[in-house]
N, C-alpha and C. Protein backbone atom coordinates (compact mmCIF):
# COMPACT_ATOMS: atom_id res chain seq x y z
N UNK A 1 86.68 103.87 84.02
CA UNK A 1 85.64 104.46 84.60
C UNK A 1 86.28 103.88 86.42
N UNK A 2 86.26 105.18 87.14
CA UNK A 2 87.01 105.27 88.44
C UNK A 2 86.37 105.14 89.16
N UNK A 3 84.68 105.45 89.14
CA UNK A 3 83.87 104.86 90.03
C UNK A 3 83.22 103.62 90.35
N UNK A 4 83.43 103.07 88.77
CA UNK A 4 83.06 101.76 88.91
C UNK A 4 84.59 101.02 89.60
N UNK A 5 85.67 101.07 89.47
CA UNK A 5 86.44 100.63 90.28
C UNK A 5 86.55 100.73 91.73
N UNK A 6 86.18 101.79 92.15
CA UNK A 6 86.02 102.06 93.40
C UNK A 6 84.71 101.36 94.09
N UNK A 7 83.51 101.47 93.42
CA UNK A 7 82.66 100.19 93.61
C UNK A 7 83.19 98.81 93.66
N UNK A 8 83.57 98.55 92.57
CA UNK A 8 84.42 97.23 92.44
C UNK A 8 85.41 96.48 93.75
N UNK A 9 86.31 97.68 94.00
CA UNK A 9 87.03 97.29 95.31
C UNK A 9 86.14 97.18 96.40
N UNK A 10 85.20 98.43 96.92
CA UNK A 10 84.71 98.24 98.07
C UNK A 10 83.40 97.15 98.28
N UNK A 11 83.04 96.54 97.22
CA UNK A 11 82.18 95.43 97.20
C UNK A 11 83.33 94.43 97.83
N UNK A 12 84.74 94.13 97.09
CA UNK A 12 85.27 93.24 97.31
C UNK A 12 85.70 93.15 99.03
N UNK A 13 86.08 94.44 99.64
CA UNK A 13 86.20 94.53 101.09
C UNK A 13 84.90 94.27 101.85
N UNK A 14 83.97 94.88 101.31
CA UNK A 14 82.56 94.41 102.65
C UNK A 14 82.57 92.89 102.16
N UNK A 15 82.89 92.21 100.87
CA UNK A 15 82.23 90.90 101.00
C UNK A 15 83.56 89.82 101.86
N UNK A 16 84.69 90.23 101.73
CA UNK A 16 85.55 89.58 102.41
C UNK A 16 86.52 90.32 103.20
N UNK A 17 86.15 90.90 104.25
CA UNK A 17 86.68 91.78 105.04
C UNK A 17 88.25 91.17 105.73
N UNK A 18 88.35 89.73 105.97
CA UNK A 18 89.65 89.08 106.31
C UNK A 18 90.07 88.85 105.32
N UNK A 19 89.67 88.93 104.16
CA UNK A 19 90.98 88.45 102.75
C UNK A 19 92.24 89.04 102.96
N UNK A 20 93.32 88.60 102.62
CA UNK A 20 94.67 89.41 102.65
C UNK A 20 94.78 90.47 101.88
N UNK A 21 94.10 90.27 100.75
CA UNK A 21 94.27 91.73 99.91
C UNK A 21 93.26 92.88 100.36
N UNK A 22 92.03 92.85 101.02
CA UNK A 22 91.32 93.77 101.92
C UNK A 22 92.06 95.30 101.93
N UNK A 23 93.39 95.04 102.59
CA UNK A 23 93.80 96.09 103.02
C UNK A 23 94.73 97.02 101.56
N UNK A 24 94.62 95.87 100.58
CA UNK A 24 95.40 96.63 99.25
C UNK A 24 94.29 97.36 98.67
N UNK A 25 92.73 96.70 98.55
CA UNK A 25 91.87 96.98 98.04
C UNK A 25 91.38 98.52 98.40
N UNK A 26 91.54 98.94 99.58
CA UNK A 26 91.44 99.93 100.64
C UNK A 26 92.19 100.93 99.95
N UNK A 27 93.63 100.64 99.64
CA UNK A 27 94.69 101.75 99.15
C UNK A 27 94.53 101.95 98.24
N UNK A 28 93.61 100.70 97.37
CA UNK A 28 93.51 101.30 95.79
C UNK A 28 92.49 102.43 96.09
N UNK A 29 91.45 102.28 96.46
CA UNK A 29 90.37 102.90 96.47
C UNK A 29 90.96 104.52 96.90
N UNK A 30 91.86 104.59 98.21
CA UNK A 30 91.90 106.27 98.35
C UNK A 30 92.86 106.70 97.25
N UNK A 31 93.68 105.54 96.70
CA UNK A 31 94.63 106.38 95.57
C UNK A 31 93.94 106.93 93.83
N UNK A 32 92.39 106.13 94.12
CA UNK A 32 91.58 106.67 93.16
C UNK A 32 91.34 107.75 93.63
N UNK A 33 90.59 107.77 94.66
CA UNK A 33 89.92 109.19 95.19
C UNK A 33 91.38 110.61 95.00
N UNK A 34 92.48 109.95 95.54
CA UNK A 34 93.58 110.95 95.52
C UNK A 34 94.22 111.29 94.13
N UNK A 35 94.97 110.14 93.39
CA UNK A 35 95.08 110.82 92.18
C UNK A 35 94.37 111.13 90.81
N UNK A 36 93.15 110.13 90.75
CA UNK A 36 92.35 109.77 89.80
C UNK A 36 91.18 111.27 89.93
N UNK A 37 90.68 110.69 90.67
CA UNK A 37 89.21 111.63 91.18
C UNK A 37 89.55 113.17 91.88
N UNK A 38 90.71 112.96 92.41
CA UNK A 38 91.19 114.60 92.93
C UNK A 38 90.12 115.05 94.16
N UNK A 39 89.86 114.12 94.83
CA UNK A 39 88.93 114.26 96.21
C UNK A 39 89.70 113.99 97.27
N UNK A 40 90.08 115.21 97.83
CA UNK A 40 90.91 114.93 98.96
C UNK A 40 90.29 114.34 100.45
N UNK A 41 88.96 115.20 100.40
CA UNK A 41 88.01 114.45 101.27
C UNK A 41 87.86 113.16 101.44
N UNK A 42 87.39 112.25 100.66
CA UNK A 42 87.24 110.98 100.02
C UNK A 42 88.63 110.46 100.23
N UNK A 43 89.58 110.81 99.76
CA UNK A 43 91.12 110.23 100.29
C UNK A 43 91.20 109.93 101.29
N UNK A 44 91.17 111.09 102.11
CA UNK A 44 91.71 111.07 103.71
C UNK A 44 90.98 110.41 104.07
N UNK A 45 89.61 110.07 103.98
CA UNK A 45 88.36 109.03 104.54
C UNK A 45 89.14 107.66 104.52
N UNK A 46 89.53 107.55 103.05
CA UNK A 46 89.85 106.32 102.63
C UNK A 46 91.28 105.65 103.12
N UNK A 47 92.09 106.44 103.24
CA UNK A 47 93.50 106.30 103.64
C UNK A 47 93.15 105.90 105.23
N UNK A 48 92.59 106.79 105.96
CA UNK A 48 92.16 106.68 107.34
C UNK A 48 91.65 105.12 107.47
N UNK A 49 90.79 104.49 106.47
CA UNK A 49 90.23 103.75 106.73
C UNK A 49 91.29 102.25 106.80
N UNK A 50 91.97 102.43 105.95
CA UNK A 50 93.26 101.65 105.62
C UNK A 50 93.80 101.48 107.01
N UNK A 51 93.98 102.35 107.48
CA UNK A 51 94.75 102.62 108.91
C UNK A 51 93.90 101.76 110.40
N UNK A 52 92.44 102.50 110.19
CA UNK A 52 91.30 101.68 111.00
C UNK A 52 91.51 100.42 110.89
N UNK A 53 91.48 99.84 110.22
CA UNK A 53 90.76 98.97 109.31
C UNK A 53 91.67 97.67 109.72
N UNK A 54 92.75 98.03 109.47
CA UNK A 54 94.04 97.12 109.41
C UNK A 54 95.39 97.36 109.51
N UNK A 55 95.51 97.79 111.04
CA UNK A 55 96.54 98.76 111.50
C UNK A 55 97.77 97.66 111.55
N UNK A 56 97.80 96.25 111.47
CA UNK A 56 99.02 95.60 111.43
C UNK A 56 99.53 95.08 109.82
N UNK A 57 98.57 95.53 108.88
CA UNK A 57 98.95 95.24 107.40
C UNK A 57 100.15 96.02 107.10
N UNK A 58 100.58 95.24 105.97
CA UNK A 58 102.11 96.23 105.31
C UNK A 58 101.32 97.41 104.44
N UNK A 59 100.48 97.42 104.33
CA UNK A 59 100.12 98.84 103.74
C UNK A 59 99.49 99.68 104.54
N UNK A 60 99.53 99.62 105.70
CA UNK A 60 99.15 100.88 106.71
C UNK A 60 100.58 101.74 106.53
N UNK A 61 101.39 101.78 106.74
CA UNK A 61 102.79 102.70 106.37
C UNK A 61 102.34 103.54 105.49
N UNK A 62 101.91 102.56 104.12
CA UNK A 62 102.02 103.53 102.75
C UNK A 62 100.45 104.52 102.76
N UNK A 63 99.64 104.21 103.67
CA UNK A 63 98.30 104.72 103.90
C UNK A 63 98.54 105.86 104.69
N UNK A 64 99.23 106.18 105.68
CA UNK A 64 99.74 106.97 106.67
C UNK A 64 100.52 107.76 105.74
N UNK A 65 101.35 107.41 104.95
CA UNK A 65 102.45 108.39 104.35
C UNK A 65 101.85 109.06 103.34
N UNK A 66 100.90 108.68 102.46
CA UNK A 66 99.78 109.33 101.86
C UNK A 66 98.87 110.30 102.08
N UNK A 67 98.64 109.85 103.42
CA UNK A 67 97.72 110.87 104.25
C UNK A 67 98.30 111.88 104.78
N UNK A 68 99.56 111.65 105.32
CA UNK A 68 100.36 113.03 105.50
C UNK A 68 100.77 113.82 104.19
N UNK A 69 101.03 113.09 103.37
CA UNK A 69 101.25 114.17 101.97
C UNK A 69 100.32 114.90 101.49
N UNK A 70 98.63 113.94 101.66
CA UNK A 70 97.73 115.35 101.89
C UNK A 70 97.68 116.23 102.58
N UNK A 71 97.68 116.02 104.01
CA UNK A 71 97.52 117.26 104.62
C UNK A 71 98.74 118.10 104.71
N UNK A 72 99.92 117.56 104.05
CA UNK A 72 101.20 118.87 103.68
C UNK A 72 100.73 119.99 102.87
N UNK A 73 100.09 118.74 101.63
CA UNK A 73 99.17 119.81 100.85
C UNK A 73 98.52 120.91 100.96
N UNK A 74 97.83 120.48 101.99
CA UNK A 74 96.52 121.37 102.28
C UNK A 74 97.05 122.60 103.25
N UNK A 75 98.21 122.30 103.93
CA UNK A 75 99.05 123.29 104.74
C UNK A 75 98.46 122.92 105.91
N UNK A 76 98.14 121.40 106.65
CA UNK A 76 97.64 121.08 107.73
C UNK A 76 98.94 120.32 108.67
N UNK A 77 100.02 121.14 109.08
CA UNK A 77 100.98 120.95 109.26
C UNK A 77 101.07 120.02 110.77
N UNK A 78 100.00 120.37 111.57
CA UNK A 78 99.97 119.51 112.58
C UNK A 78 99.39 118.28 112.53
N UNK A 79 98.89 117.99 111.84
CA UNK A 79 97.79 116.56 111.05
C UNK A 79 99.40 115.70 110.32
N UNK A 80 100.05 116.64 109.74
CA UNK A 80 100.99 115.52 109.03
C UNK A 80 102.17 115.29 110.30
N UNK A 81 102.32 115.94 111.25
CA UNK A 81 103.47 116.02 112.42
C UNK A 81 102.84 114.69 113.28
N UNK A 82 101.37 114.43 113.28
CA UNK A 82 100.85 113.36 113.80
C UNK A 82 100.96 112.40 113.26
N UNK A 83 100.63 112.26 111.73
CA UNK A 83 100.61 111.20 110.83
C UNK A 83 102.01 110.49 110.50
N UNK A 84 103.26 111.71 110.54
CA UNK A 84 104.54 110.91 110.14
C UNK A 84 104.93 110.69 111.41
N UNK A 85 104.12 110.97 112.64
CA UNK A 85 105.03 110.99 113.70
C UNK A 85 104.46 109.31 113.85
N UNK A 86 103.58 108.91 113.78
CA UNK A 86 103.03 107.91 113.93
C UNK A 86 103.72 106.22 112.88
N UNK A 87 104.34 106.92 111.85
CA UNK A 87 104.67 105.99 110.92
C UNK A 87 106.14 105.47 111.71
N UNK A 88 106.96 106.70 112.02
CA UNK A 88 108.15 106.50 112.63
C UNK A 88 108.25 105.79 114.13
N UNK A 89 106.95 106.01 114.64
CA UNK A 89 107.16 105.19 115.91
C UNK A 89 106.88 103.98 115.74
N UNK A 90 105.47 103.46 115.14
CA UNK A 90 104.89 102.01 115.10
C UNK A 90 105.51 101.68 114.12
N UNK A 91 105.99 101.88 112.74
CA UNK A 91 106.65 101.41 111.56
C UNK A 91 107.93 101.74 111.62
N UNK A 92 108.97 101.63 112.81
CA UNK A 92 110.64 102.06 112.38
C UNK A 92 111.00 101.67 111.55
N UNK A 93 110.97 100.44 110.96
CA UNK A 93 111.99 99.94 110.06
C UNK A 93 111.03 100.09 108.64
N UNK A 94 109.86 100.58 108.71
CA UNK A 94 109.38 100.68 107.38
C UNK A 94 110.73 102.09 106.43
N UNK A 95 110.54 101.84 104.70
CA UNK A 95 111.35 102.73 104.29
C UNK A 95 111.12 104.41 104.14
N UNK A 96 109.93 104.35 104.85
CA UNK A 96 109.07 105.68 105.14
C UNK A 96 109.26 106.61 105.90
N UNK A 97 110.03 105.93 107.16
CA UNK A 97 110.32 106.55 108.14
C UNK A 97 111.31 107.43 108.33
N UNK A 98 112.48 107.46 107.81
CA UNK A 98 113.49 108.85 107.51
C UNK A 98 112.54 109.93 106.82
N UNK A 99 111.83 109.49 105.88
CA UNK A 99 111.54 110.83 104.96
C UNK A 99 110.55 111.28 105.92
N UNK A 100 109.74 110.61 106.66
CA UNK A 100 108.90 111.11 107.59
C UNK A 100 109.51 111.89 108.54
N UNK A 101 110.56 111.85 109.18
CA UNK A 101 111.16 112.60 110.26
C UNK A 101 111.43 113.67 109.48
N UNK A 102 112.50 113.91 108.20
CA UNK A 102 112.53 114.94 107.46
C UNK A 102 111.37 116.20 107.36
N UNK A 103 110.53 115.25 107.10
CA UNK A 103 109.04 116.29 106.90
C UNK A 103 108.58 116.29 108.06
N UNK A 104 108.71 115.91 109.06
CA UNK A 104 108.18 116.31 110.35
C UNK A 104 108.96 117.96 110.45
N UNK A 105 110.14 117.75 110.46
CA UNK A 105 111.08 118.81 110.68
C UNK A 105 110.74 119.99 109.71
N UNK A 106 110.29 119.55 108.61
CA UNK A 106 110.06 120.51 107.44
C UNK A 106 108.61 121.40 108.06
N UNK A 107 108.39 120.44 108.44
CA UNK A 107 106.41 121.26 108.95
C UNK A 107 106.80 122.33 110.03
N UNK A 108 107.87 121.57 111.30
CA UNK A 108 107.89 122.67 112.42
C UNK A 108 108.71 123.84 111.88
N UNK A 109 109.39 123.75 110.88
CA UNK A 109 109.86 124.84 110.44
C UNK A 109 108.92 125.86 109.97
N UNK A 110 108.08 125.15 108.91
CA UNK A 110 106.96 126.01 108.39
C UNK A 110 106.24 126.66 109.55
N UNK A 111 106.23 125.89 110.25
CA UNK A 111 105.21 126.70 111.76
C UNK A 111 106.27 127.37 112.54
N UNK A 112 107.63 127.54 112.33
CA UNK A 112 108.33 128.51 112.83
C UNK A 112 109.06 128.10 114.11
N UNK A 113 108.43 127.01 114.33
CA UNK A 113 109.31 126.07 115.33
C UNK A 113 110.38 125.67 115.32
N UNK A 114 111.71 126.58 114.96
CA UNK A 114 112.97 126.11 114.99
C UNK A 114 113.71 125.05 115.78
N UNK A 115 113.09 124.93 117.21
CA UNK A 115 113.92 124.16 117.98
C UNK A 115 113.05 122.60 117.46
N UNK A 116 112.16 122.74 117.59
CA UNK A 116 111.20 121.44 117.23
C UNK A 116 112.13 120.88 115.40
N UNK A 117 112.35 121.67 114.91
CA UNK A 117 112.58 121.15 113.34
C UNK A 117 114.17 120.45 113.76
N UNK A 118 115.25 121.58 114.12
CA UNK A 118 116.30 120.81 114.26
C UNK A 118 116.31 119.73 115.23
N UNK A 119 115.39 119.48 116.38
CA UNK A 119 115.41 118.24 117.18
C UNK A 119 114.97 116.85 116.10
N UNK A 120 114.27 117.34 115.26
CA UNK A 120 113.82 116.09 114.45
C UNK A 120 114.69 115.90 113.31
N UNK A 121 115.47 116.83 112.68
CA UNK A 121 116.26 116.85 111.45
C UNK A 121 117.75 115.96 112.56
N UNK A 122 117.88 116.12 113.68
CA UNK A 122 118.98 115.88 114.35
C UNK A 122 118.52 114.21 114.50
N UNK A 123 117.04 113.67 115.05
CA UNK A 123 116.37 112.52 115.03
C UNK A 123 116.77 111.79 113.97
N UNK A 124 116.94 111.79 112.57
CA UNK A 124 117.08 111.35 111.50
C UNK A 124 118.80 110.82 111.70
N UNK A 125 119.48 111.20 112.21
CA UNK A 125 120.98 111.10 112.08
C UNK A 125 121.17 110.11 113.18
N UNK A 126 120.23 110.33 114.32
CA UNK A 126 120.24 109.30 115.30
C UNK A 126 119.44 107.97 115.40
N UNK A 127 118.43 108.21 114.54
CA UNK A 127 117.54 106.91 114.38
C UNK A 127 117.79 106.22 112.85
N UNK A 128 118.06 106.84 111.74
CA UNK A 128 118.89 106.41 110.47
C UNK A 128 120.28 107.25 109.92
N UNK A 129 121.39 106.99 110.81
CA UNK A 129 122.70 107.32 110.61
C UNK A 129 123.04 107.40 109.35
N UNK A 130 122.76 106.07 108.30
CA UNK A 130 122.83 105.56 107.22
C UNK A 130 122.05 106.35 106.06
N UNK A 131 120.99 107.23 106.47
CA UNK A 131 120.62 107.53 105.41
C UNK A 131 121.05 108.64 104.67
N UNK A 132 120.87 108.29 103.53
CA UNK A 132 121.75 109.21 102.37
C UNK A 132 121.21 110.89 102.48
N UNK A 133 120.43 111.10 103.12
CA UNK A 133 119.57 112.19 103.52
C UNK A 133 120.42 113.16 104.46
N UNK A 134 121.22 112.74 105.70
CA UNK A 134 121.63 112.76 106.24
C UNK A 134 122.69 114.00 106.78
N UNK A 135 123.54 114.09 105.81
CA UNK A 135 124.39 114.88 105.72
C UNK A 135 123.70 116.66 105.27
N UNK A 136 122.99 116.87 104.35
CA UNK A 136 122.27 117.29 104.05
C UNK A 136 121.46 117.95 105.15
N UNK A 137 120.41 117.15 105.85
CA UNK A 137 119.86 117.65 106.84
C UNK A 137 120.30 118.32 107.87
N UNK A 138 121.45 117.59 108.61
CA UNK A 138 122.25 118.03 109.44
C UNK A 138 122.93 119.43 109.44
N UNK A 139 123.21 119.59 108.08
CA UNK A 139 123.79 120.92 107.68
C UNK A 139 122.60 122.16 107.99
N UNK A 140 121.32 121.52 107.16
CA UNK A 140 120.22 122.54 107.26
C UNK A 140 120.03 123.26 108.81
N UNK A 141 120.12 121.80 109.46
CA UNK A 141 119.94 122.18 111.28
C UNK A 141 120.73 123.08 111.67
N UNK A 142 122.09 122.92 111.07
CA UNK A 142 123.26 124.16 111.64
C UNK A 142 122.53 125.09 111.23
N UNK A 143 122.19 125.55 109.79
CA UNK A 143 121.95 126.72 109.40
C UNK A 143 120.82 127.45 110.15
N UNK A 144 119.67 126.57 110.64
CA UNK A 144 118.46 126.80 111.33
C UNK A 144 119.26 127.14 112.91
N UNK A 145 120.18 126.74 113.09
CA UNK A 145 120.72 127.17 114.79
C UNK A 145 121.60 128.49 114.50
N UNK A 146 122.05 128.59 113.53
CA UNK A 146 123.07 130.10 113.48
C UNK A 146 122.04 131.07 112.95
N UNK A 147 121.23 130.64 111.98
CA UNK A 147 120.15 132.09 111.46
C UNK A 147 118.75 132.30 112.26
N UNK A 148 118.37 131.26 112.45
CA UNK A 148 117.02 131.17 113.48
C UNK A 148 117.07 131.40 114.61
N UNK A 149 117.60 130.40 115.10
CA UNK A 149 118.21 130.49 116.53
C UNK A 149 119.31 130.96 117.40
N UNK A 150 119.83 131.46 116.42
CA UNK A 150 121.31 132.39 117.26
C UNK A 150 122.08 131.54 118.12
N UNK A 151 121.97 130.25 117.76
CA UNK A 151 122.90 129.25 118.30
C UNK A 151 123.75 128.79 118.15
N UNK A 152 125.03 129.51 117.76
CA UNK A 152 126.15 129.26 117.37
C UNK A 152 127.00 127.79 117.99
N UNK A 153 126.74 127.88 119.28
CA UNK A 153 127.32 126.71 119.75
C UNK A 153 126.76 125.27 119.22
N UNK A 154 125.40 125.20 119.14
CA UNK A 154 124.58 124.68 118.47
C UNK A 154 125.16 124.12 117.03
N UNK A 155 125.29 125.25 116.59
CA UNK A 155 125.40 124.77 114.82
C UNK A 155 126.78 124.06 114.60
N UNK A 156 127.81 124.89 115.54
CA UNK A 156 129.47 124.15 115.19
C UNK A 156 129.67 122.55 115.65
N UNK A 157 128.17 122.71 117.07
CA UNK A 157 128.42 121.00 117.42
C UNK A 157 127.81 119.83 116.09
N UNK A 158 126.75 120.54 115.58
CA UNK A 158 125.87 119.81 114.39
C UNK A 158 126.59 119.75 113.10
N UNK A 159 127.42 120.95 113.13
CA UNK A 159 128.66 120.89 111.50
C UNK A 159 129.89 119.94 112.07
N UNK A 160 130.01 119.81 113.26
CA UNK A 160 131.31 118.60 113.55
C UNK A 160 131.13 117.35 113.16
N UNK A 161 129.33 116.99 113.76
CA UNK A 161 128.96 115.87 113.62
C UNK A 161 129.25 115.03 112.18
N UNK A 162 129.08 116.54 111.10
CA UNK A 162 129.16 116.21 109.38
C UNK A 162 130.31 115.77 109.42
N UNK A 163 131.67 116.77 110.12
CA UNK A 163 132.81 116.45 109.81
C UNK A 163 133.17 115.26 110.45
N UNK A 164 133.09 114.59 111.01
CA UNK A 164 133.46 113.63 111.73
C UNK A 164 132.74 112.52 110.83
N UNK A 165 131.82 112.28 110.79
CA UNK A 165 130.86 111.12 110.61
C UNK A 165 130.49 110.82 108.80
N UNK A 166 130.78 112.42 108.47
CA UNK A 166 130.60 111.62 106.53
C UNK A 166 132.21 112.89 105.91
N UNK A 167 132.88 112.19 105.75
CA UNK A 167 134.30 112.65 105.58
C UNK A 167 134.04 113.23 103.96
N UNK A 168 133.46 112.51 103.16
CA UNK A 168 133.73 112.23 101.73
C UNK A 168 132.37 113.05 101.52
N UNK A 169 131.40 113.54 102.03
CA UNK A 169 130.29 113.93 101.53
C UNK A 169 130.52 115.37 101.20
N UNK A 170 129.58 116.02 100.12
CA UNK A 170 129.90 117.33 99.41
C UNK A 170 129.01 118.45 100.46
N UNK A 171 128.68 118.03 101.67
CA UNK A 171 128.12 118.96 102.95
C UNK A 171 129.43 119.02 103.91
N UNK A 172 130.45 117.80 103.83
CA UNK A 172 131.37 118.47 104.68
C UNK A 172 132.26 119.55 104.47
N UNK A 173 132.62 119.64 103.30
CA UNK A 173 133.38 120.82 102.91
C UNK A 173 132.58 122.36 103.51
N UNK A 174 131.35 122.16 103.18
CA UNK A 174 130.15 123.28 103.66
C UNK A 174 130.62 123.60 104.99
N UNK A 175 130.24 122.30 106.07
CA UNK A 175 129.92 122.61 107.38
C UNK A 175 131.64 122.99 107.40
N UNK A 176 132.73 122.61 107.06
CA UNK A 176 133.80 122.92 107.56
C UNK A 176 134.24 124.17 107.40
N UNK A 177 133.51 125.08 106.27
CA UNK A 177 133.12 126.32 106.32
C UNK A 177 132.61 127.19 107.03
N UNK A 178 131.72 126.55 107.54
CA UNK A 178 131.02 127.04 108.23
C UNK A 178 131.70 127.18 110.00
N UNK A 179 132.09 125.94 110.15
CA UNK A 179 132.67 126.05 111.39
C UNK A 179 134.47 127.12 111.58
N UNK A 180 134.78 126.96 110.73
CA UNK A 180 135.97 127.50 110.41
C UNK A 180 135.48 129.41 110.72
N UNK A 181 134.36 129.61 110.27
CA UNK A 181 133.49 130.67 109.91
C UNK A 181 133.29 131.09 111.32
N UNK A 182 132.48 130.53 112.00
CA UNK A 182 131.72 130.56 113.57
C UNK A 182 132.83 130.73 114.51
N UNK A 183 134.04 129.88 114.57
CA UNK A 183 134.68 129.80 115.49
C UNK A 183 135.56 130.87 115.36
N UNK A 184 135.71 131.61 114.53
CA UNK A 184 136.55 133.06 114.55
C UNK A 184 135.61 134.19 115.31
C-alpha cells in the first residue's frame, strides 16, 4: 500500500525533521511517487523538497539526479541543464557528476545548440578525465564539430585528444581514421 507508505514517511519527517534519516524518508516518498504511483508532479515536488530542506544531505545529489531524469523524460531540457548543472557545481565529487555533464551535453544537442553540447562534452574530459565514457563522448563531440558546426579544425583537435590520451581505447582507431580523412 504505497499511499500508506507515503503517509508513514511524511509523518516521520514531520515529527522528526532533524533526524538523520529524514532526507532519506523524503527521498523514499519521491521514489514512491515516481516509480510506483507514476505521478510526475508529486515526484518532482518530493524531490525538490529533499533539495530544499536538506541541501547538505548525501541524499541531495540523488534527488537532483532523479529530478533531472524526470525533466528529461518530459523534454524539459532547460530544467535538466539547470538541475544537472547544480550537481556538477555543488557536488563535483558525486559519482553522478560525470553522467550529469554528459546529459547536459545531450540536452543542448537535442535543442540544436551544438556549441554548448561540444563544450559540455569537453568538460567531461577536463573535469573527469578518467571517466570511462570520455573517449566515446569526445569522439561524439568531434562528430558534432564535423557534421553540425562545420569546424574540421576543432574536430581534428578533439580527435587528437583521444589519440594522445586513450591509445588502447576502441575510439582511438575511429579518431585516427577521422584525422586522416579530415587532414586530406
